[in-house]
PDB file of N, CA and C in Angstrom:
ATOM      1  N   MET A   1      90.364 116.364  43.327  1.00  0.00           N
ATOM      2  CA  MET A   1      91.460 117.260  43.119  1.00  0.00           C
ATOM      3  C   MET A   1      92.601 116.479  42.494  1.00  0.00           C
ATOM      4  N   VAL A   2      93.165 116.995  41.425  1.00  0.00           N
ATOM      5  CA  VAL A   2      94.303 116.359  40.768  1.00  0.00           C
ATOM      6  C   VAL A   2      95.560 117.105  41.189  1.00  0.00           C
ATOM      7  N   HIS A   3      96.565 116.373  41.619  1.00  0.00           N
ATOM      8  CA  HIS A   3      97.815 116.991  42.053  1.00  0.00           C
ATOM      9  C   HIS A   3      98.962 116.149  41.535  1.00  0.00           C
ATOM     10  N   GLY A   4      99.935 116.786  40.942  1.00  0.00           N
ATOM     11  CA  GLY A   4     101.105 116.066  40.475  1.00  0.00           C
ATOM     12  C   GLY A   4     101.916 115.548  41.638  1.00  0.00           C
ATOM     13  N   PRO A   5     102.585 114.397  41.472  1.00  0.00           N
ATOM     14  CA  PRO A   5     103.400 113.857  42.556  1.00  0.00           C
ATOM     15  C   PRO A   5     104.590 114.755  42.843  1.00  0.00           C
ATOM     16  N   LEU A   6     104.998 114.815  44.102  1.00  0.00           N
ATOM     17  CA  LEU A   6     106.141 115.622  44.493  1.00  0.00           C
ATOM     18  C   LEU A   6     107.458 114.900  44.249  1.00  0.00           C
ATOM     19  N   ALA A   7     107.396 113.621  43.996  1.00  0.00           N
ATOM     20  CA  ALA A   7     108.587 112.830  43.699  1.00  0.00           C
ATOM     21  C   ALA A   7     108.241 111.871  42.571  1.00  0.00           C
ATOM     22  N   ILE A   8     109.240 111.519  41.814  1.00  0.00           N
ATOM     23  CA  ILE A   8     109.031 110.592  40.705  1.00  0.00           C
ATOM     24  C   ILE A   8     109.828 109.331  40.988  1.00  0.00           C
ATOM     25  N   GLY A   9     109.221 108.224  40.779  1.00  0.00           N
ATOM     26  CA  GLY A   9     109.894 106.946  41.004  1.00  0.00           C
ATOM     27  C   GLY A   9     108.871 105.867  41.249  1.00  0.00           C
ATOM     28  N   GLY A  10     109.284 104.643  41.076  1.00  0.00           N
ATOM     29  CA  GLY A  10     108.375 103.526  41.209  1.00  0.00           C
ATOM     30  C   GLY A  10     107.814 103.318  42.594  1.00  0.00           C
ATOM     31  N   THR A  11     108.504 103.804  43.628  1.00  0.00           N
ATOM     32  CA  THR A  11     108.047 103.551  44.988  1.00  0.00           C
ATOM     33  C   THR A  11     107.174 104.666  45.552  1.00  0.00           C
ATOM     34  N   TYR A  12     107.162 105.834  44.911  1.00  0.00           N
ATOM     35  CA  TYR A  12     106.346 106.938  45.430  1.00  0.00           C
ATOM     36  C   TYR A  12     104.879 106.603  45.204  1.00  0.00           C
ATOM     37  N   PRO A  13     104.020 106.719  46.236  1.00  0.00           N
ATOM     38  CA  PRO A  13     102.641 106.227  46.142  1.00  0.00           C
ATOM     39  C   PRO A  13     101.718 107.027  45.227  1.00  0.00           C
ATOM     40  N   LEU A  14     101.968 108.307  45.011  1.00  0.00           N
ATOM     41  CA  LEU A  14     101.125 109.083  44.096  1.00  0.00           C
ATOM     42  C   LEU A  14     101.700 109.039  42.696  1.00  0.00           C
ATOM     43  N   LYS A  15     100.820 108.925  41.725  1.00  0.00           N
ATOM     44  CA  LYS A  15     101.218 108.880  40.326  1.00  0.00           C
ATOM     45  C   LYS A  15     100.575 110.047  39.574  1.00  0.00           C
ATOM     46  N   LYS A  16     101.158 110.375  38.442  1.00  0.00           N
ATOM     47  CA  LYS A  16     100.614 111.439  37.610  1.00  0.00           C
ATOM     48  C   LYS A  16      99.165 111.107  37.265  1.00  0.00           C
ATOM     49  N   TRP A  17      98.300 112.089  37.398  1.00  0.00           N
ATOM     50  CA  TRP A  17      96.864 112.028  37.105  1.00  0.00           C
ATOM     51  C   TRP A  17      96.038 111.348  38.184  1.00  0.00           C
ATOM     52  N   ASP A  18      96.621 111.003  39.327  1.00  0.00           N
ATOM     53  CA  ASP A  18      95.809 110.526  40.443  1.00  0.00           C
ATOM     54  C   ASP A  18      94.863 111.641  40.864  1.00  0.00           C
ATOM     55  N   VAL A  19      93.652 111.271  41.202  1.00  0.00           N
ATOM     56  CA  VAL A  19      92.662 112.228  41.694  1.00  0.00           C
ATOM     57  C   VAL A  19      92.458 111.946  43.173  1.00  0.00           C
ATOM     58  N   VAL A  20      92.836 112.912  44.016  1.00  0.00           N
ATOM     59  CA  VAL A  20      92.700 112.756  45.464  1.00  0.00           C
ATOM     60  C   VAL A  20      91.245 113.020  45.838  1.00  0.00           C
ATOM     61  N   THR A  21      90.606 112.025  46.455  1.00  0.00           N
ATOM     62  CA  THR A  21      89.194 112.154  46.819  1.00  0.00           C
ATOM     63  C   THR A  21      88.963 112.211  48.327  1.00  0.00           C
ATOM     64  N   ARG A  22      89.944 111.712  49.116  1.00  0.00           N
ATOM     65  CA  ARG A  22      89.805 111.736  50.574  1.00  0.00           C
ATOM     66  C   ARG A  22      91.178 111.872  51.209  1.00  0.00           C
ATOM     67  N   ILE A  23      91.217 112.570  52.346  1.00  0.00           N
ATOM     68  CA  ILE A  23      92.385 112.582  53.217  1.00  0.00           C
ATOM     69  C   ILE A  23      91.894 112.029  54.546  1.00  0.00           C
ATOM     70  N   GLY A  24      92.406 110.853  54.901  1.00  0.00           N
ATOM     71  CA  GLY A  24      91.835 110.142  56.042  1.00  0.00           C
ATOM     72  C   GLY A  24      90.383 109.812  55.727  1.00  0.00           C
ATOM     73  N   ASP A  25      89.475 110.194  56.614  1.00  0.00           N
ATOM     74  CA  ASP A  25      88.044 109.953  56.404  1.00  0.00           C
ATOM     75  C   ASP A  25      87.325 111.167  55.822  1.00  0.00           C
ATOM     76  N   ASN A  26      88.075 112.202  55.446  1.00  0.00           N
ATOM     77  CA  ASN A  26      87.479 113.464  55.018  1.00  0.00           C
ATOM     78  C   ASN A  26      87.460 113.597  53.498  1.00  0.00           C
ATOM     79  N   MET A  27      86.283 113.883  52.948  1.00  0.00           N
ATOM     80  CA  MET A  27      86.122 114.022  51.515  1.00  0.00           C
ATOM     81  C   MET A  27      86.778 115.318  51.029  1.00  0.00           C
ATOM     82  N   VAL A  28      87.557 115.209  49.946  1.00  0.00           N
ATOM     83  CA  VAL A  28      88.211 116.356  49.319  1.00  0.00           C
ATOM     84  C   VAL A  28      87.413 116.711  48.072  1.00  0.00           C
ATOM     85  N   ASP A  29      87.040 118.000  47.929  1.00  0.00           N
ATOM     86  CA  ASP A  29      86.265 118.388  46.753  1.00  0.00           C
ATOM     87  C   ASP A  29      87.175 118.649  45.558  1.00  0.00           C
ATOM     88  N   ASN A  30      86.603 119.082  44.447  1.00  0.00           N
ATOM     89  CA  ASN A  30      87.355 119.220  43.200  1.00  0.00           C
ATOM     90  C   ASN A  30      88.344 120.383  43.188  1.00  0.00           C
ATOM     91  N   VAL A  31      88.376 121.201  44.228  1.00  0.00           N
ATOM     92  CA  VAL A  31      89.366 122.283  44.323  1.00  0.00           C
ATOM     93  C   VAL A  31      90.270 122.107  45.543  1.00  0.00           C
ATOM     94  N   GLY A  32      90.254 120.916  46.139  1.00  0.00           N
ATOM     95  CA  GLY A  32      91.159 120.613  47.238  1.00  0.00           C
ATOM     96  C   GLY A  32      90.702 121.068  48.603  1.00  0.00           C
ATOM     97  N   MET A  33      89.410 121.297  48.766  1.00  0.00           N
ATOM     98  CA  MET A  33      88.877 121.769  50.041  1.00  0.00           C
ATOM     99  C   MET A  33      88.132 120.649  50.762  1.00  0.00           C
ATOM    100  N   VAL A  34      88.139 120.745  52.102  1.00  0.00           N
ATOM    101  CA  VAL A  34      87.436 119.799  52.967  1.00  0.00           C
ATOM    102  C   VAL A  34      86.491 120.591  53.854  1.00  0.00           C
ATOM    103  N   ARG A  35      85.280 120.112  53.997  1.00  0.00           N
ATOM    104  CA  ARG A  35      84.277 120.796  54.819  1.00  0.00           C
ATOM    105  C   ARG A  35      84.511 120.470  56.294  1.00  0.00           C
ATOM    106  N   LEU A  36      84.659 121.530  57.108  1.00  0.00           N
ATOM    107  CA  LEU A  36      84.782 121.349  58.560  1.00  0.00           C
ATOM    108  C   LEU A  36      83.418 121.353  59.239  1.00  0.00           C
ATOM    109  N   ASN A  37      82.543 122.230  58.763  1.00  0.00           N
ATOM    110  CA  ASN A  37      81.166 122.277  59.253  1.00  0.00           C
ATOM    111  C   ASN A  37      80.307 122.892  58.159  1.00  0.00           C
ATOM    112  N   LYS A  38      79.068 123.195  58.450  1.00  0.00           N
ATOM    113  CA  LYS A  38      78.125 123.680  57.444  1.00  0.00           C
ATOM    114  C   LYS A  38      78.629 124.925  56.707  1.00  0.00           C
ATOM    115  N   ASN A  39      79.326 125.806  57.407  1.00  0.00           N
ATOM    116  CA  ASN A  39      79.724 127.085  56.818  1.00  0.00           C
ATOM    117  C   ASN A  39      81.221 127.260  56.631  1.00  0.00           C
ATOM    118  N   LEU A  40      82.017 126.227  56.870  1.00  0.00           N
ATOM    119  CA  LEU A  40      83.467 126.404  56.812  1.00  0.00           C
ATOM    120  C   LEU A  40      84.132 125.276  56.044  1.00  0.00           C
ATOM    121  N   ARG A  41      84.932 125.670  55.045  1.00  0.00           N
ATOM    122  CA  ARG A  41      85.754 124.726  54.288  1.00  0.00           C
ATOM    123  C   ARG A  41      87.204 125.177  54.405  1.00  0.00           C
ATOM    124  N   VAL A  42      88.131 124.210  54.450  1.00  0.00           N
ATOM    125  CA  VAL A  42      89.554 124.511  54.536  1.00  0.00           C
ATOM    126  C   VAL A  42      90.302 123.683  53.499  1.00  0.00           C
ATOM    127  N   ASN A  43      91.519 124.107  53.179  1.00  0.00           N
ATOM    128  CA  ASN A  43      92.365 123.354  52.271  1.00  0.00           C
ATOM    129  C   ASN A  43      92.653 121.988  52.887  1.00  0.00           C
ATOM    130  N   PHE A  44      92.699 120.963  52.056  1.00  0.00           N
ATOM    131  CA  PHE A  44      92.902 119.598  52.565  1.00  0.00           C
ATOM    132  C   PHE A  44      94.186 119.473  53.377  1.00  0.00           C
ATOM    133  N   GLN A  45      95.182 120.316  53.116  1.00  0.00           N
ATOM    134  CA  GLN A  45      96.454 120.245  53.829  1.00  0.00           C
ATOM    135  C   GLN A  45      96.298 120.520  55.330  1.00  0.00           C
ATOM    136  N   TYR A  46      95.213 121.161  55.710  1.00  0.00           N
ATOM    137  CA  TYR A  46      94.907 121.405  57.119  1.00  0.00           C
ATOM    138  C   TYR A  46      94.928 120.108  57.920  1.00  0.00           C
ATOM    139  N   PHE A  47      94.508 119.011  57.299  1.00  0.00           N
ATOM    140  CA  PHE A  47      94.388 117.738  57.997  1.00  0.00           C
ATOM    141  C   PHE A  47      95.688 116.950  58.089  1.00  0.00           C
ATOM    142  N   ILE A  48      96.706 117.339  57.353  1.00  0.00           N
ATOM    143  CA  ILE A  48      97.944 116.554  57.345  1.00  0.00           C
ATOM    144  C   ILE A  48      98.509 116.404  58.744  1.00  0.00           C
ATOM    145  N   GLN A  49      98.697 117.502  59.446  1.00  0.00           N
ATOM    146  CA  GLN A  49      99.279 117.401  60.788  1.00  0.00           C
ATOM    147  C   GLN A  49      98.354 116.709  61.775  1.00  0.00           C
ATOM    148  N   LYS A  50      97.062 116.723  61.507  1.00  0.00           N
ATOM    149  CA  LYS A  50      96.107 116.100  62.424  1.00  0.00           C
ATOM    150  C   LYS A  50      96.072 114.576  62.283  1.00  0.00           C
ATOM    151  N   ILE A  51      96.279 114.069  61.063  1.00  0.00           N
ATOM    152  CA  ILE A  51      96.089 112.630  60.867  1.00  0.00           C
ATOM    153  C   ILE A  51      97.358 111.871  60.489  1.00  0.00           C
ATOM    154  N   ALA A  52      98.460 112.556  60.269  1.00  0.00           N
ATOM    155  CA  ALA A  52      99.700 111.857  59.922  1.00  0.00           C
ATOM    156  C   ALA A  52     100.163 110.994  61.084  1.00  0.00           C
ATOM    157  N   LYS A  53     100.584 109.788  60.740  1.00  0.00           N
ATOM    158  CA  LYS A  53     101.118 108.860  61.729  1.00  0.00           C
ATOM    159  C   LYS A  53     102.367 108.215  61.152  1.00  0.00           C
ATOM    160  N   ARG A  54     103.417 108.172  61.956  1.00  0.00           N
ATOM    161  CA  ARG A  54     104.686 107.570  61.538  1.00  0.00           C
ATOM    162  C   ARG A  54     105.184 108.146  60.207  1.00  0.00           C
ATOM    163  N   GLY A  55     104.986 109.456  60.037  1.00  0.00           N
ATOM    164  CA  GLY A  55     105.514 110.131  58.852  1.00  0.00           C
ATOM    165  C   GLY A  55     104.752 109.896  57.574  1.00  0.00           C
ATOM    166  N   ARG A  56     103.501 109.423  57.690  1.00  0.00           N
ATOM    167  CA  ARG A  56     102.701 109.149  56.486  1.00  0.00           C
ATOM    168  C   ARG A  56     101.271 109.620  56.709  1.00  0.00           C
ATOM    169  N   VAL A  57     100.602 109.961  55.611  1.00  0.00           N
ATOM    170  CA  VAL A  57      99.205 110.384  55.682  1.00  0.00           C
ATOM    171  C   VAL A  57      98.397 109.526  54.703  1.00  0.00           C
ATOM    172  N   PRO A  58      97.245 109.002  55.151  1.00  0.00           N
ATOM    173  CA  PRO A  58      96.430 108.167  54.275  1.00  0.00           C
ATOM    174  C   PRO A  58      95.574 109.012  53.322  1.00  0.00           C
ATOM    175  N   LEU A  59      95.640 108.671  52.051  1.00  0.00           N
ATOM    176  CA  LEU A  59      94.812 109.321  51.031  1.00  0.00           C
ATOM    177  C   LEU A  59      94.038 108.258  50.273  1.00  0.00           C
ATOM    178  N   THR A  60      92.891 108.648  49.757  1.00  0.00           N
ATOM    179  CA  THR A  60      92.159 107.822  48.808  1.00  0.00           C
ATOM    180  C   THR A  60      92.262 108.538  47.470  1.00  0.00           C
ATOM    181  N   VAL A  61      92.628 107.793  46.437  1.00  0.00           N
ATOM    182  CA  VAL A  61      92.782 108.369  45.101  1.00  0.00           C
ATOM    183  C   VAL A  61      92.027 107.522  44.094  1.00  0.00           C
ATOM    184  N   VAL A  62      91.703 108.145  42.978  1.00  0.00           N
ATOM    185  CA  VAL A  62      91.177 107.411  41.830  1.00  0.00           C
ATOM    186  C   VAL A  62      92.289 107.397  40.795  1.00  0.00           C
ATOM    187  N   ARG A  63      92.665 106.195  40.376  1.00  0.00           N
ATOM    188  CA  ARG A  63      93.728 106.012  39.397  1.00  0.00           C
ATOM    189  C   ARG A  63      93.231 105.043  38.333  1.00  0.00           C
ATOM    190  N   GLY A  64      93.149 105.524  37.117  1.00  0.00           N
ATOM    191  CA  GLY A  64      92.696 104.654  36.032  1.00  0.00           C
ATOM    192  C   GLY A  64      91.300 104.108  36.246  1.00  0.00           C
ATOM    193  N   GLY A  65      90.430 104.893  36.889  1.00  0.00           N
ATOM    194  CA  GLY A  65      89.053 104.473  37.124  1.00  0.00           C
ATOM    195  C   GLY A  65      88.856 103.608  38.358  1.00  0.00           C
ATOM    196  N   LYS A  66      89.935 103.278  39.075  1.00  0.00           N
ATOM    197  CA  LYS A  66      89.837 102.454  40.278  1.00  0.00           C
ATOM    198  C   LYS A  66      90.160 103.288  41.514  1.00  0.00           C
ATOM    199  N   THR A  67      89.440 103.023  42.593  1.00  0.00           N
ATOM    200  CA  THR A  67      89.686 103.705  43.856  1.00  0.00           C
ATOM    201  C   THR A  67      90.741 102.933  44.646  1.00  0.00           C
ATOM    202  N   LEU A  68      91.766 103.662  45.095  1.00  0.00           N
ATOM    203  CA  LEU A  68      92.875 103.056  45.831  1.00  0.00           C
ATOM    204  C   LEU A  68      93.156 103.828  47.110  1.00  0.00           C
ATOM    205  N   SER A  69      93.625 103.137  48.132  1.00  0.00           N
ATOM    206  CA  SER A  69      94.108 103.772  49.357  1.00  0.00           C
ATOM    207  C   SER A  69      95.627 103.760  49.297  1.00  0.00           C
ATOM    208  N   VAL A  70      96.235 104.925  49.564  1.00  0.00           N
ATOM    209  CA  VAL A  70      97.689 105.027  49.561  1.00  0.00           C
ATOM    210  C   VAL A  70      98.137 105.776  50.813  1.00  0.00           C
ATOM    211  N   ASP A  71      99.330 105.464  51.294  1.00  0.00           N
ATOM    212  CA  ASP A  71      99.937 106.185  52.401  1.00  0.00           C
ATOM    213  C   ASP A  71     101.084 107.006  51.834  1.00  0.00           C
ATOM    214  N   VAL A  72     100.964 108.314  51.932  1.00  0.00           N
ATOM    215  CA  VAL A  72     101.927 109.225  51.325  1.00  0.00           C
ATOM    216  C   VAL A  72     102.873 109.751  52.398  1.00  0.00           C
ATOM    217  N   PRO A  73     104.183 109.741  52.122  1.00  0.00           N
ATOM    218  CA  PRO A  73     105.116 110.283  53.110  1.00  0.00           C
ATOM    219  C   PRO A  73     104.898 111.777  53.305  1.00  0.00           C
ATOM    220  N   VAL A  74     105.101 112.219  54.545  1.00  0.00           N
ATOM    221  CA  VAL A  74     104.917 113.619  54.903  1.00  0.00           C
ATOM    222  C   VAL A  74     106.289 114.274  54.999  1.00  0.00           C
ATOM    223  N   ALA A  75     106.449 115.394  54.304  1.00  0.00           N
ATOM    224  CA  ALA A  75     107.690 116.150  54.390  1.00  0.00           C
ATOM    225  C   ALA A  75     107.661 116.999  55.650  1.00  0.00           C
ATOM    226  N   VAL A  76     108.752 117.001  56.366  1.00  0.00           N
ATOM    227  CA  VAL A  76     108.830 117.780  57.591  1.00  0.00           C
ATOM    228  C   VAL A  76     109.864 118.885  57.384  1.00  0.00           C
ATOM    229  N   ASN A  77     109.425 120.140  57.578  1.00  0.00           N
ATOM    230  CA  ASN A  77     110.323 121.275  57.502  1.00  0.00           C
ATOM    231  C   ASN A  77     110.518 121.801  58.918  1.00  0.00           C
ATOM    232  N   VAL A  78     111.738 121.762  59.390  1.00  0.00           N
ATOM    233  CA  VAL A  78     112.042 122.242  60.723  1.00  0.00           C
ATOM    234  C   VAL A  78     112.798 123.560  60.587  1.00  0.00           C
ATOM    235  N   HIS A  79     112.274 124.605  61.247  1.00  0.00           N
ATOM    236  CA  HIS A  79     112.921 125.910  61.227  1.00  0.00           C
ATOM    237  C   HIS A  79     113.291 126.278  62.655  1.00  0.00           C
ATOM    238  N   TYR A  80     114.521 126.614  62.860  1.00  0.00           N
ATOM    239  CA  TYR A  80     114.968 127.016  64.198  1.00  0.00           C
ATOM    240  C   TYR A  80     115.255 128.490  64.228  1.00  0.00           C
TER     241      TYR A  80
END
């Protein structure tokens, strides 16, 4: 799945044209879905709250033909 970065700058871990292939240990398919079991797939974002630690979520991306592990900051929206 290709997703544009939500922030631009040298320190943001995702870059333009990165291909997200895993969230944590879960494989992400070409439309951003992760298989939960034989008959159920969910959007990869389902796993963010489950695996985020210290405000970051681990992703595996392909960038320029190389596989990289990156920790992406998690945005928190609080509604009262």
